Protein backbone atom coordinates (compact mmCIF):
# COMPACT_ATOMS: atom_id res chain seq x y z
CA UNK A 1 -4.53 -13.44 -45.89
CA UNK A 2 -7.29 -10.99 -44.81
CA UNK A 3 -6.67 -8.99 -41.66
CA UNK A 4 -8.31 -10.31 -38.50
CA UNK A 5 -11.05 -8.38 -36.72
CA UNK A 6 -10.26 -8.32 -33.03
CA UNK A 7 -12.71 -6.81 -30.52
CA UNK A 8 -11.62 -6.32 -26.90
CA UNK A 9 -14.15 -5.50 -24.23
CA UNK A 10 -12.79 -3.35 -21.37
CA UNK A 11 -10.58 -0.38 -21.31
CA UNK A 12 -8.42 -1.27 -18.28
CA UNK A 13 -5.25 -3.35 -18.03
CA UNK A 14 -6.33 -6.64 -19.79
CA UNK A 15 -8.34 -5.16 -22.64
CA UNK A 16 -5.84 -2.49 -23.58
CA UNK A 17 -2.86 -4.86 -23.22
CA UNK A 18 -4.60 -7.34 -25.57
CA UNK A 19 -5.39 -4.61 -28.12
CA UNK A 20 -1.78 -3.22 -27.98
CA UNK A 21 -0.28 -6.68 -28.49
CA UNK A 22 -2.55 -7.39 -31.44
CA UNK A 23 -1.67 -4.17 -33.14
CA UNK A 24 2.05 -4.71 -32.33
CA UNK A 25 2.13 -8.15 -33.93
CA UNK A 26 -0.13 -7.47 -36.84
CA UNK A 27 -0.41 -3.77 -37.91
CA UNK A 28 -2.99 -4.83 -40.53
CA UNK A 29 -5.42 -6.22 -37.91
CA UNK A 30 -8.61 -4.41 -37.24
CA UNK A 31 -8.64 -3.83 -33.48
CA UNK A 32 -11.59 -2.27 -31.64
CA UNK A 33 -11.75 -1.65 -27.90
CA UNK A 34 -15.16 -1.19 -26.29
CA UNK A 35 -14.94 0.93 -23.10
CA UNK A 36 -17.97 1.37 -20.89
CA UNK A 37 -16.80 4.76 -19.53
CA UNK A 38 -14.72 7.61 -20.79
CA UNK A 39 -11.45 6.55 -19.17
CA UNK A 40 -9.45 3.99 -21.14
CA UNK A 41 -6.10 2.80 -19.83
CA UNK A 42 -6.32 4.62 -16.50
CA UNK A 43 -4.42 3.43 -13.47
CA UNK A 44 -6.98 2.33 -10.93
CA UNK A 45 -4.09 1.50 -8.59
CA UNK A 46 -3.17 5.18 -8.66
CA UNK A 47 -6.60 6.41 -7.34
CA UNK A 48 -5.55 6.73 -3.69
CA UNK A 49 -2.65 9.04 -4.72
CA UNK A 50 -4.96 11.32 -6.60
CA UNK A 51 -7.32 11.45 -3.64
CA UNK A 52 -4.43 12.31 -1.33
CA UNK A 53 -3.34 15.12 -3.66
CA UNK A 54 0.03 13.54 -4.44
CA UNK A 55 -1.06 13.08 -8.08
CA UNK A 56 -2.01 16.63 -9.04
CA UNK A 57 -4.61 15.98 -11.74
CA UNK A 58 -6.80 12.96 -12.52
CA UNK A 59 -5.67 12.91 -16.13
CA UNK A 60 -2.15 11.97 -14.95
CA UNK A 61 -3.49 8.57 -13.99
CA UNK A 62 -3.73 7.62 -17.69
CA UNK A 63 -1.04 5.17 -18.76
CA UNK A 64 -1.70 6.42 -22.26
CA UNK A 65 -3.95 9.14 -23.61
CA UNK A 66 -6.86 8.35 -25.91
CA UNK A 67 -4.84 10.00 -28.64
CA UNK A 68 -1.88 7.69 -27.88
CA UNK A 69 -4.03 4.60 -28.14
CA UNK A 70 -5.59 5.71 -31.40
CA UNK A 71 -2.19 6.47 -32.80
CA UNK A 72 -1.45 2.72 -32.63
CA UNK A 73 -4.21 2.15 -35.24
CA UNK A 74 -6.77 0.70 -32.88
CA UNK A 75 -10.38 2.10 -32.64
CA UNK A 76 -11.38 2.98 -29.06
CA UNK A 77 -15.10 3.35 -28.50
CA UNK A 78 -15.63 5.10 -25.13
CA UNK A 79 -18.95 5.37 -23.32
CA UNK A 80 -20.02 2.23 -25.13
CA UNK A 81 -21.53 -0.72 -23.19
CA UNK A 82 -21.28 -4.28 -24.44
CA UNK A 83 -24.63 -5.89 -23.90
CA UNK A 84 -24.54 -9.27 -25.62
CA UNK A 85 -22.35 -11.77 -27.46
CA UNK A 86 -23.77 -13.74 -30.36
CA UNK A 87 -21.29 -16.65 -30.40
CA UNK A 88 -22.78 -18.41 -33.49
CA UNK A 89 -22.58 -15.33 -35.76
CA UNK A 90 -19.53 -13.86 -33.94
CA UNK A 91 -21.06 -10.47 -33.22
CA UNK A 92 -20.93 -8.24 -30.22
CA UNK A 93 -23.90 -6.03 -29.45
CA UNK A 94 -23.05 -2.65 -27.99
CA UNK A 95 -25.05 0.35 -26.83
CA UNK A 96 -23.76 3.94 -27.26
CA UNK A 97 -24.25 6.69 -24.71
CA UNK A 98 -27.13 8.06 -26.87
CA UNK A 99 -28.95 4.72 -26.75
CA UNK A 100 -28.01 3.68 -30.24
CA UNK A 101 -27.49 -0.11 -30.59
CA UNK A 102 -24.97 -1.61 -32.94
CA UNK A 103 -23.53 -5.03 -33.72
CA UNK A 104 -19.76 -5.36 -34.16
CA UNK A 105 -18.51 -8.40 -36.14
CA UNK A 106 -15.41 -10.11 -34.89
CA UNK A 107 -13.05 -12.97 -35.76
CA UNK A 108 -11.87 -13.13 -32.16
CA UNK A 109 -13.33 -11.51 -29.05
CA UNK A 110 -11.39 -10.71 -25.86
CA UNK A 111 -13.43 -10.23 -22.64
CA UNK A 112 -11.74 -7.97 -20.15
CA UNK A 113 -14.67 -6.80 -18.09
CA UNK A 114 -12.65 -6.76 -14.87
CA UNK A 115 -14.25 -6.81 -11.46
CA UNK A 116 -16.80 -4.76 -9.55
CA UNK A 117 -16.74 -3.63 -5.95
CA UNK A 118 -18.09 -6.13 -3.43
CA UNK A 119 -21.11 -4.78 -1.65
CA UNK A 120 -21.19 -6.38 1.79
CA UNK A 121 -24.46 -7.15 3.60
CA UNK A 122 -24.60 -3.91 5.56
CA UNK A 123 -27.97 -2.32 6.29
CA UNK A 124 -28.19 0.95 4.39
CA UNK A 125 -26.11 -0.18 1.38
CA UNK A 126 -28.90 -1.91 -0.62
CA UNK A 127 -32.59 -1.55 -1.30
CA UNK A 128 -34.67 1.35 -2.56
CA UNK A 129 -33.45 3.73 0.19
CA UNK A 130 -29.80 2.68 -0.07
CA UNK A 131 -27.21 5.31 0.87
CA UNK A 132 -24.86 6.42 -1.84
CA UNK A 133 -22.41 9.13 -2.97
CA UNK A 134 -25.07 11.84 -2.43
CA UNK A 135 -25.00 10.84 1.26
CA UNK A 136 -21.24 10.58 1.54
CA UNK A 137 -21.22 6.77 1.30
CA UNK A 138 -18.90 5.36 -1.39
CA UNK A 139 -17.67 2.19 -2.96
CA UNK A 140 -14.43 2.71 -4.84
CA UNK A 141 -13.23 0.91 -7.90
CA UNK A 142 -13.48 3.18 -10.93
CA UNK A 143 -12.66 6.70 -12.09
CA UNK A 144 -16.37 7.55 -11.79
CA UNK A 145 -16.26 6.35 -8.15
CA UNK A 146 -13.20 8.54 -7.70
CA UNK A 147 -14.81 11.69 -8.93
CA UNK A 148 -17.80 11.07 -6.62
CA UNK A 149 -15.44 10.72 -3.66
CA UNK A 150 -13.70 13.96 -4.56
CA UNK A 151 -17.02 15.73 -5.01
CA UNK A 152 -18.03 14.55 -1.52
CA UNK A 153 -14.83 15.79 -0.02
CA UNK A 154 -15.26 19.21 -1.72
CA UNK A 155 -18.95 19.57 -0.80
CA UNK A 156 -18.98 18.00 2.72
CA UNK A 157 -15.55 19.18 3.88
CA UNK A 158 -15.29 16.19 6.15
CA UNK A 159 -13.39 16.24 9.44
CA UNK A 160 -13.79 12.52 9.92
CA UNK A 161 -14.15 9.44 7.71
CA UNK A 162 -14.73 5.74 8.28
CA UNK A 163 -12.96 3.22 5.96
CA UNK A 164 -14.55 -0.21 6.05
CA UNK A 165 -11.97 -2.76 5.09
CA UNK A 166 -8.19 -2.91 5.70
CA UNK A 167 -6.94 -4.66 2.57
CA UNK A 168 -4.67 -2.94 0.06
CA UNK A 169 -7.07 -0.32 -1.16
CA UNK A 170 -8.49 0.31 2.29
CA UNK A 171 -5.09 0.87 3.71
CA UNK A 172 -4.05 3.20 0.88
CA UNK A 173 -7.27 5.18 1.20
CA UNK A 174 -6.81 5.55 4.97
CA UNK A 175 -3.43 7.09 4.22
CA UNK A 176 -4.84 9.26 1.47
CA UNK A 177 -7.61 10.70 3.64
CA UNK A 178 -5.26 11.26 6.58
CA UNK A 179 -2.83 13.08 4.24
CA UNK A 180 -5.77 15.40 3.40
CA UNK A 181 -6.21 16.18 7.11
CA UNK A 182 -9.20 13.96 7.70
CA UNK A 183 -9.38 11.84 10.82
CA UNK A 184 -9.82 8.24 9.76
CA UNK A 185 -11.34 5.34 11.60
CA UNK A 186 -10.53 2.04 9.91
CA UNK A 187 -12.77 -0.98 10.60
CA UNK A 188 -11.67 -4.50 9.69
CA UNK A 189 -13.85 -7.57 10.25
CA UNK A 190 -10.83 -9.91 10.53
CA UNK A 191 -8.56 -10.08 13.56
CA UNK A 192 -5.77 -7.98 11.93
CA UNK A 193 -5.25 -5.48 9.13
CA UNK A 194 -3.77 -6.60 5.83
CA UNK A 195 -4.96 -10.23 6.08
CA UNK A 196 -2.90 -11.27 3.03
CA UNK A 197 0.16 -11.47 5.30
CA UNK A 198 0.63 -13.29 8.60
CA UNK A 199 -0.91 -11.52 11.70
CA UNK A 200 2.60 -10.83 13.06
CA UNK A 201 3.29 -8.63 10.07
CA UNK A 202 -0.16 -7.15 9.92
CA UNK A 203 0.41 -6.02 13.48
CA UNK A 204 3.39 -3.94 12.22
CA UNK A 205 1.11 -2.29 9.67
CA UNK A 206 -1.49 -1.77 12.39
CA UNK A 207 1.08 0.00 14.53
CA UNK A 208 2.11 2.27 11.71
CA UNK A 209 -1.49 3.27 11.07
CA UNK A 210 -1.91 4.07 14.79
CA UNK A 211 1.33 6.10 14.84
CA UNK A 212 0.08 8.16 11.91
CA UNK A 213 -3.26 8.97 13.68
CA UNK A 214 -5.58 6.40 12.13
CA UNK A 215 -7.92 4.82 14.66
CA UNK A 216 -7.85 1.09 13.87
CA UNK A 217 -10.62 -1.26 14.93
CA UNK A 218 -10.22 -4.93 14.09
CA UNK A 219 -12.39 -8.04 14.63
CA UNK A 220 -15.43 -5.82 14.13
CA UNK A 221 -18.28 -6.30 11.68
CA UNK A 222 -20.20 -3.27 10.42
CA UNK A 223 -23.90 -3.98 10.52
CA UNK A 224 -25.54 -0.68 9.45
CA UNK A 225 -24.91 2.77 8.04
CA UNK A 226 -27.63 5.43 8.42
CA UNK A 227 -28.14 9.17 8.17
CA UNK A 228 -27.43 11.09 11.34
CA UNK A 229 -28.73 14.63 11.98
CA UNK A 230 -30.37 14.90 8.56
CA UNK A 231 -28.11 14.45 5.57
CA UNK A 232 -25.01 16.10 7.06
CA UNK A 233 -23.56 13.20 9.01
CA UNK A 234 -23.55 9.42 9.08
CA UNK A 235 -23.88 6.79 11.81
CA UNK A 236 -21.93 3.59 11.47
CA UNK A 237 -22.97 0.69 13.68
CA UNK A 238 -20.88 -2.35 14.22
CA UNK A 239 -20.24 -5.28 16.61
CA UNK A 240 -17.00 -6.62 17.96
CA UNK A 241 -15.91 -10.22 18.39
CA UNK A 242 -17.46 -10.25 21.91
CA UNK A 243 -20.73 -9.04 20.53
CA UNK A 244 -20.38 -5.59 22.09
CA UNK A 245 -21.97 -2.88 19.95
CA UNK A 246 -19.91 0.00 18.54
CA UNK A 247 -21.13 3.22 16.97
CA UNK A 248 -19.28 5.98 15.14
CA UNK A 249 -20.56 9.31 13.88
CA UNK A 250 -18.70 10.43 10.80
CA UNK A 251 -18.88 12.65 7.69
CA UNK A 252 -17.79 10.19 5.00
CA UNK A 253 -17.75 6.41 4.63
CA UNK A 254 -15.71 4.38 2.17
CA UNK A 255 -16.58 0.70 1.67
CA UNK A 256 -13.57 -1.16 0.28
CA UNK A 257 -13.97 -4.83 1.17
CA UNK A 258 -12.79 -6.42 -2.09
CA UNK A 259 -14.08 -7.12 -5.57
CA UNK A 260 -16.01 -9.72 -7.49
CA UNK A 261 -15.36 -10.87 -11.07
CA UNK A 262 -17.72 -9.08 -13.52
CA UNK A 263 -18.84 -12.03 -15.64
CA UNK A 264 -22.47 -11.34 -16.54
CA UNK A 265 -21.71 -10.69 -20.21
CA UNK A 266 -19.70 -13.81 -20.79
CA UNK A 267 -21.96 -15.96 -18.61
CA UNK A 268 -24.96 -14.70 -20.54
CA UNK A 269 -23.35 -16.06 -23.71
CA UNK A 270 -22.81 -19.45 -22.15
CA UNK A 271 -19.23 -19.24 -20.99
CA UNK A 272 -18.28 -21.62 -18.23
CA UNK A 273 -17.43 -20.07 -14.91
CA UNK A 274 -14.81 -21.40 -12.48
CA UNK A 275 -13.24 -20.44 -9.16
CA UNK A 276 -15.06 -17.66 -7.35
CA UNK A 277 -17.44 -17.34 -10.32
CA UNK A 278 -14.66 -16.07 -12.61
CA UNK A 279 -14.62 -16.96 -16.32
CA UNK A 280 -12.99 -20.29 -16.84
CA UNK A 281 -9.96 -20.02 -19.17
CA UNK A 282 -7.12 -22.30 -20.09
CA UNK A 283 -3.47 -21.31 -20.02
CA UNK A 284 -3.91 -19.76 -23.45
CA UNK A 285 -6.70 -17.50 -22.19
CA UNK A 286 -9.30 -19.38 -24.22
CA UNK A 287 -12.82 -19.56 -22.73
CA UNK A 288 -15.26 -22.42 -23.32
CA UNK A 289 -16.79 -20.33 -26.20
CA UNK A 290 -15.25 -20.59 -29.66
CA UNK A 291 -13.01 -17.61 -30.62
CA UNK A 292 -13.65 -15.93 -27.29
CA UNK A 293 -10.79 -15.17 -24.91
CA UNK A 294 -10.89 -13.66 -21.40
CA UNK A 295 -8.23 -11.96 -19.29
CA UNK A 296 -7.75 -9.91 -16.17
CA UNK A 297 -9.86 -9.70 -13.02
CA UNK A 298 -12.91 -11.33 -14.73
CA UNK A 299 -11.01 -14.53 -15.43
CA UNK A 300 -9.57 -17.31 -13.28
CA UNK A 301 -5.86 -17.22 -12.48
CA UNK A 302 -3.45 -20.03 -13.23
CA UNK A 303 -1.10 -20.05 -10.19
CA UNK A 304 2.27 -21.73 -10.46
CA UNK A 305 1.81 -23.31 -7.00
CA UNK A 306 -1.88 -23.59 -6.52
CA UNK A 307 -3.12 -24.41 -9.92
CA UNK A 308 -6.49 -22.76 -10.70
CA UNK A 309 -7.52 -19.90 -8.40
CA UNK A 310 -8.76 -16.37 -8.67
CA UNK A 311 -6.36 -13.61 -7.79
CA UNK A 312 -7.15 -10.19 -9.22
CA UNK A 313 -4.00 -8.23 -9.69
CA UNK A 314 -3.05 -5.55 -12.24
CA UNK A 315 0.25 -7.25 -13.06
CA UNK A 316 -1.58 -10.48 -13.86
CA UNK A 317 -4.17 -8.61 -15.97
CA UNK A 318 -1.46 -6.99 -18.09
CA UNK A 319 0.26 -10.37 -18.77
CA UNK A 320 -3.00 -12.27 -19.47
CA UNK A 321 -4.21 -9.53 -21.77
CA UNK A 322 -0.97 -9.57 -23.72
CA UNK A 323 -1.28 -13.32 -24.24
CA UNK A 324 -4.98 -13.11 -25.20
CA UNK A 325 -4.15 -10.47 -27.79
CA UNK A 326 -1.38 -12.61 -29.27
CA UNK A 327 -3.49 -15.80 -29.31
CA UNK A 328 -6.49 -14.00 -30.72
CA UNK A 329 -4.40 -13.48 -33.85
CA UNK A 330 -3.63 -17.22 -34.04
CA UNK A 331 -0.65 -17.38 -31.67
CA UNK A 332 0.05 -20.12 -29.23
CA UNK A 333 1.58 -18.40 -26.20
CA UNK A 334 0.89 -19.83 -22.77
CA UNK A 335 0.45 -17.87 -19.54
CA UNK A 336 3.36 -18.85 -17.32
CA UNK A 337 1.33 -18.42 -14.10
CA UNK A 338 1.01 -16.13 -11.21
CA UNK A 339 2.70 -16.23 -7.75
CA UNK A 340 0.53 -13.57 -6.25
CA UNK A 341 3.39 -11.11 -5.77
CA UNK A 342 2.02 -7.93 -4.16
CA UNK A 343 3.36 -4.79 -2.42
CA UNK A 344 1.70 -1.92 -0.63
CA UNK A 345 2.94 1.33 0.89
CA UNK A 346 1.24 2.40 4.13
CA UNK A 347 2.59 5.75 5.23
CA UNK A 348 6.37 5.11 5.83
CA UNK A 349 6.00 1.32 5.88
CA UNK A 350 6.02 -1.20 2.95
CA UNK A 351 4.51 -4.68 3.11
CA UNK A 352 4.95 -7.31 0.42
CA UNK A 353 4.45 -11.00 -0.20
CA UNK A 354 4.96 -13.63 -2.86
CA UNK A 355 4.12 -17.30 -3.07
CA UNK A 356 2.38 -19.11 -0.23
CA UNK A 357 1.98 -18.86 3.53
CA UNK A 358 1.86 -21.98 5.70
CA UNK A 359 -1.91 -22.51 5.57
CA UNK A 360 -2.07 -21.84 1.86
CA UNK A 361 0.69 -24.41 1.13
CA UNK A 362 -1.14 -26.94 3.28
CA UNK A 363 -4.36 -26.29 1.44
CA UNK A 364 -2.72 -26.71 -1.93
CA UNK A 365 -2.85 -30.47 -1.58
CA UNK A 366 0.77 -30.97 -2.49
CA UNK A 367 3.27 -33.28 -0.88
CA UNK A 368 4.67 -30.38 1.17
CA UNK A 369 5.41 -29.96 4.80
CA UNK A 370 5.54 -26.18 5.11
CA UNK A 371 7.14 -24.22 7.88
CA UNK A 372 7.85 -20.48 8.34
CA UNK A 373 10.88 -18.82 9.98
CA UNK A 374 10.81 -15.19 11.05
CA UNK A 375 13.92 -12.96 11.04
CA UNK A 376 14.75 -9.26 11.19
CA UNK A 377 17.90 -8.57 9.20
CA UNK A 378 18.92 -4.90 8.63
CA UNK A 379 18.28 -3.38 5.21
CA UNK A 380 21.96 -2.33 4.97
CA UNK A 381 25.16 -2.38 7.00
CA UNK A 382 24.56 -1.13 10.50
CA UNK A 383 27.63 1.09 10.61
CA UNK A 384 26.19 3.21 7.75
CA UNK A 385 23.60 5.62 9.21
CA UNK A 386 19.88 4.90 8.91
CA UNK A 387 19.90 1.10 8.96
CA UNK A 388 16.48 -0.35 9.79
CA UNK A 389 15.30 -3.96 10.22
CA UNK A 390 13.13 -5.71 7.69
CA UNK A 391 10.70 -8.22 9.20
CA UNK A 392 10.94 -11.22 6.87
CA UNK A 393 9.04 -14.50 7.05
CA UNK A 394 10.26 -17.23 4.75
CA UNK A 395 8.15 -20.28 4.11
CA UNK A 396 9.70 -23.48 2.76
CA UNK A 397 9.05 -27.22 2.48
CA UNK A 398 10.88 -28.96 5.33
CA UNK A 399 10.94 -32.22 3.34
CA UNK A 400 12.64 -30.95 0.22
CA UNK A 401 13.93 -27.53 1.17
CA UNK A 402 11.88 -25.95 -1.66
CA UNK A 403 11.12 -22.27 -1.27
CA UNK A 404 7.35 -21.77 -1.04
CA UNK A 405 6.90 -18.10 -0.20
CA UNK A 406 8.10 -14.98 1.56
CA UNK A 407 6.58 -11.95 3.36
CA UNK A 408 8.33 -8.72 4.20
CA UNK A 409 7.56 -5.50 6.09
CA UNK A 410 10.03 -2.68 6.34
CA UNK A 411 10.54 1.03 6.13
CA UNK A 412 9.94 2.78 2.82
CA UNK A 413 13.64 3.19 2.12
CA UNK A 414 14.48 -0.48 2.80
CA UNK A 415 13.86 -1.56 -0.78
CA UNK A 416 11.24 -4.06 0.26
CA UNK A 417 9.81 -4.16 -3.29
CA UNK A 418 13.19 -5.08 -4.74
CA UNK A 419 13.64 -7.80 -2.13
CA UNK A 420 10.26 -9.40 -2.58
CA UNK A 421 10.98 -9.51 -6.32
CA UNK A 422 14.13 -11.52 -5.58
CA UNK A 423 12.05 -14.06 -3.74
CA UNK A 424 9.46 -14.03 -6.57
CA UNK A 425 12.15 -14.72 -9.12
CA UNK A 426 13.49 -17.61 -7.06
CA UNK A 427 10.01 -19.00 -6.72
CA UNK A 428 9.38 -18.73 -10.46
CA UNK A 429 12.44 -20.86 -11.17
CA UNK A 430 11.64 -23.47 -8.46
CA UNK A 431 14.62 -22.69 -6.26
CA UNK A 432 15.31 -24.20 -2.89
CA UNK A 433 15.68 -21.94 0.17
CA UNK A 434 19.40 -22.81 0.38
CA UNK A 435 19.95 -21.71 -3.23
CA UNK A 436 19.03 -18.15 -2.37
CA UNK A 437 22.49 -17.87 -0.62
CA UNK A 438 24.14 -18.69 -3.95
CA UNK A 439 22.60 -15.73 -5.77
CA UNK A 440 25.06 -13.06 -6.74
CA UNK A 441 23.30 -10.02 -5.39
CA UNK A 442 24.55 -6.44 -5.38
CA UNK A 443 26.22 -4.90 -2.33
CA UNK A 444 27.29 -1.52 -1.10
CA UNK A 445 27.08 -0.48 2.63
CA UNK A 446 24.44 2.22 2.21
CA UNK A 447 22.08 -0.24 0.45
CA UNK A 448 22.83 -3.72 1.65
CA UNK A 449 25.25 -6.22 3.14
CA UNK A 450 27.60 -8.85 1.70
CA UNK A 451 24.82 -11.26 2.60
CA UNK A 452 21.65 -9.45 1.54
CA UNK A 453 18.60 -9.43 3.89
CA UNK A 454 16.81 -11.95 1.63
CA UNK A 455 19.81 -14.33 1.97
CA UNK A 456 20.11 -13.81 5.74
CA UNK A 457 16.39 -14.68 6.08
CA UNK A 458 16.91 -17.78 3.92
CA UNK A 459 19.82 -18.88 6.09
CA UNK A 460 17.74 -18.45 9.18
CA UNK A 461 15.11 -20.77 7.70
CA UNK A 462 17.85 -23.32 6.79
CA UNK A 463 19.30 -23.17 10.29
CA UNK A 464 15.92 -23.86 11.86
CA UNK A 465 14.66 -26.57 9.51
CA UNK A 466 17.56 -28.13 7.60
CA UNK A 467 20.57 -27.77 9.85
CA UNK A 468 20.66 -31.47 10.66
CA UNK A 469 20.63 -32.31 6.93
CA UNK A 470 23.51 -29.90 6.30
CA UNK A 471 25.51 -31.52 9.10
CA UNK A 472 24.83 -35.02 7.67
CA UNK A 473 26.07 -33.85 4.28
CA UNK A 474 29.29 -32.55 5.85
CA UNK A 475 29.79 -35.79 7.65
CA UNK A 476 29.82 -37.66 4.32
CA UNK A 477 32.98 -35.84 3.19
């Protein structure tokens, strides 16, 4: 049987994972990865830690070097832009950095074009006179963006910066710039920072930012960015929820308000688009086009609780890419689905979530009656020095007792990531809240308690929502 020609578009998580899986399963396959820039397999999630100086050199952000990738037998074509897909003849048109155009034949094509930074409707960000990196105004999503930020920091030597957006990247960049000694003002349009968790937990993150010297302004919409005093400084104009205007003079502006799926290439070839304009794929990562797969931030997400959604996460992109690479060879592996498990470090605080919050569970259209219980168990036994509380919010279905989600905020040493992973595992296997208490979790006084914090939080939910049922069960004996 002749070897298959696999072409993957995109040098980030999905494209590289697909190529690696194809080479792993069939060493005779001809695998080509088309990368628009010069940085294949770089950790975009690590960018804030390079900006902060905690990662000493940008090259350390590479999961694998170009030489490592080529050593697997794949061909990696950097600085090569995919410009068109000929579905009928199974050819991908690419343009090299020198302008040379070429057509690459394929037996299976994997689209991993990822996402691009959202550009909000702020005056000064678009049009012929739009401000950009040369003015100290930056969007941040790629290694190229990162180098421009670092060049601005070197050239402008900023004393102050404004970060627009307080999601994951916005929070990490506020910390990174603060670590560099730059005073940061963080502006968020929504009522609280980190809107992927409940406001009660977002408020804890807000307090940590303030403690660390970040000026946090919420419920405020930025309307314009303009030059101030020539090209040296910038003026940020905004309006709060009461309509009162707000202005801030600063040296540097980062706009990090989210991303959008990059689907122009696939859509141009006729691929169907789905939720949020992402490429529609089935659970095998097949698009509506024959022999064309898609994975990562450009594709829709199959969620175990919500069904079809769009949830751009690096962990999901790695999994989807691996499945696309296998199925491109003729495999039949299904993506098991996401739970939206996420974690972020903000200075000395860690926030995490998995599954659904109350309003998300209600919007899912399932036969659920969701409710959330808050608790604050210690991360380890109180008699061992250094115990700190973890704020945990457990969401479950009050009708069935099914676990629906969990959110946690605690100090960096409280093993919040480990604990959200425990909830994620329970969710993956469809456990009930009460079943969490049956898990045989590890215990030693410096690290936990005989009942771990995740179990104590689950018991608090049961006591609030299912205590009567438990009593009825006891009465039957």
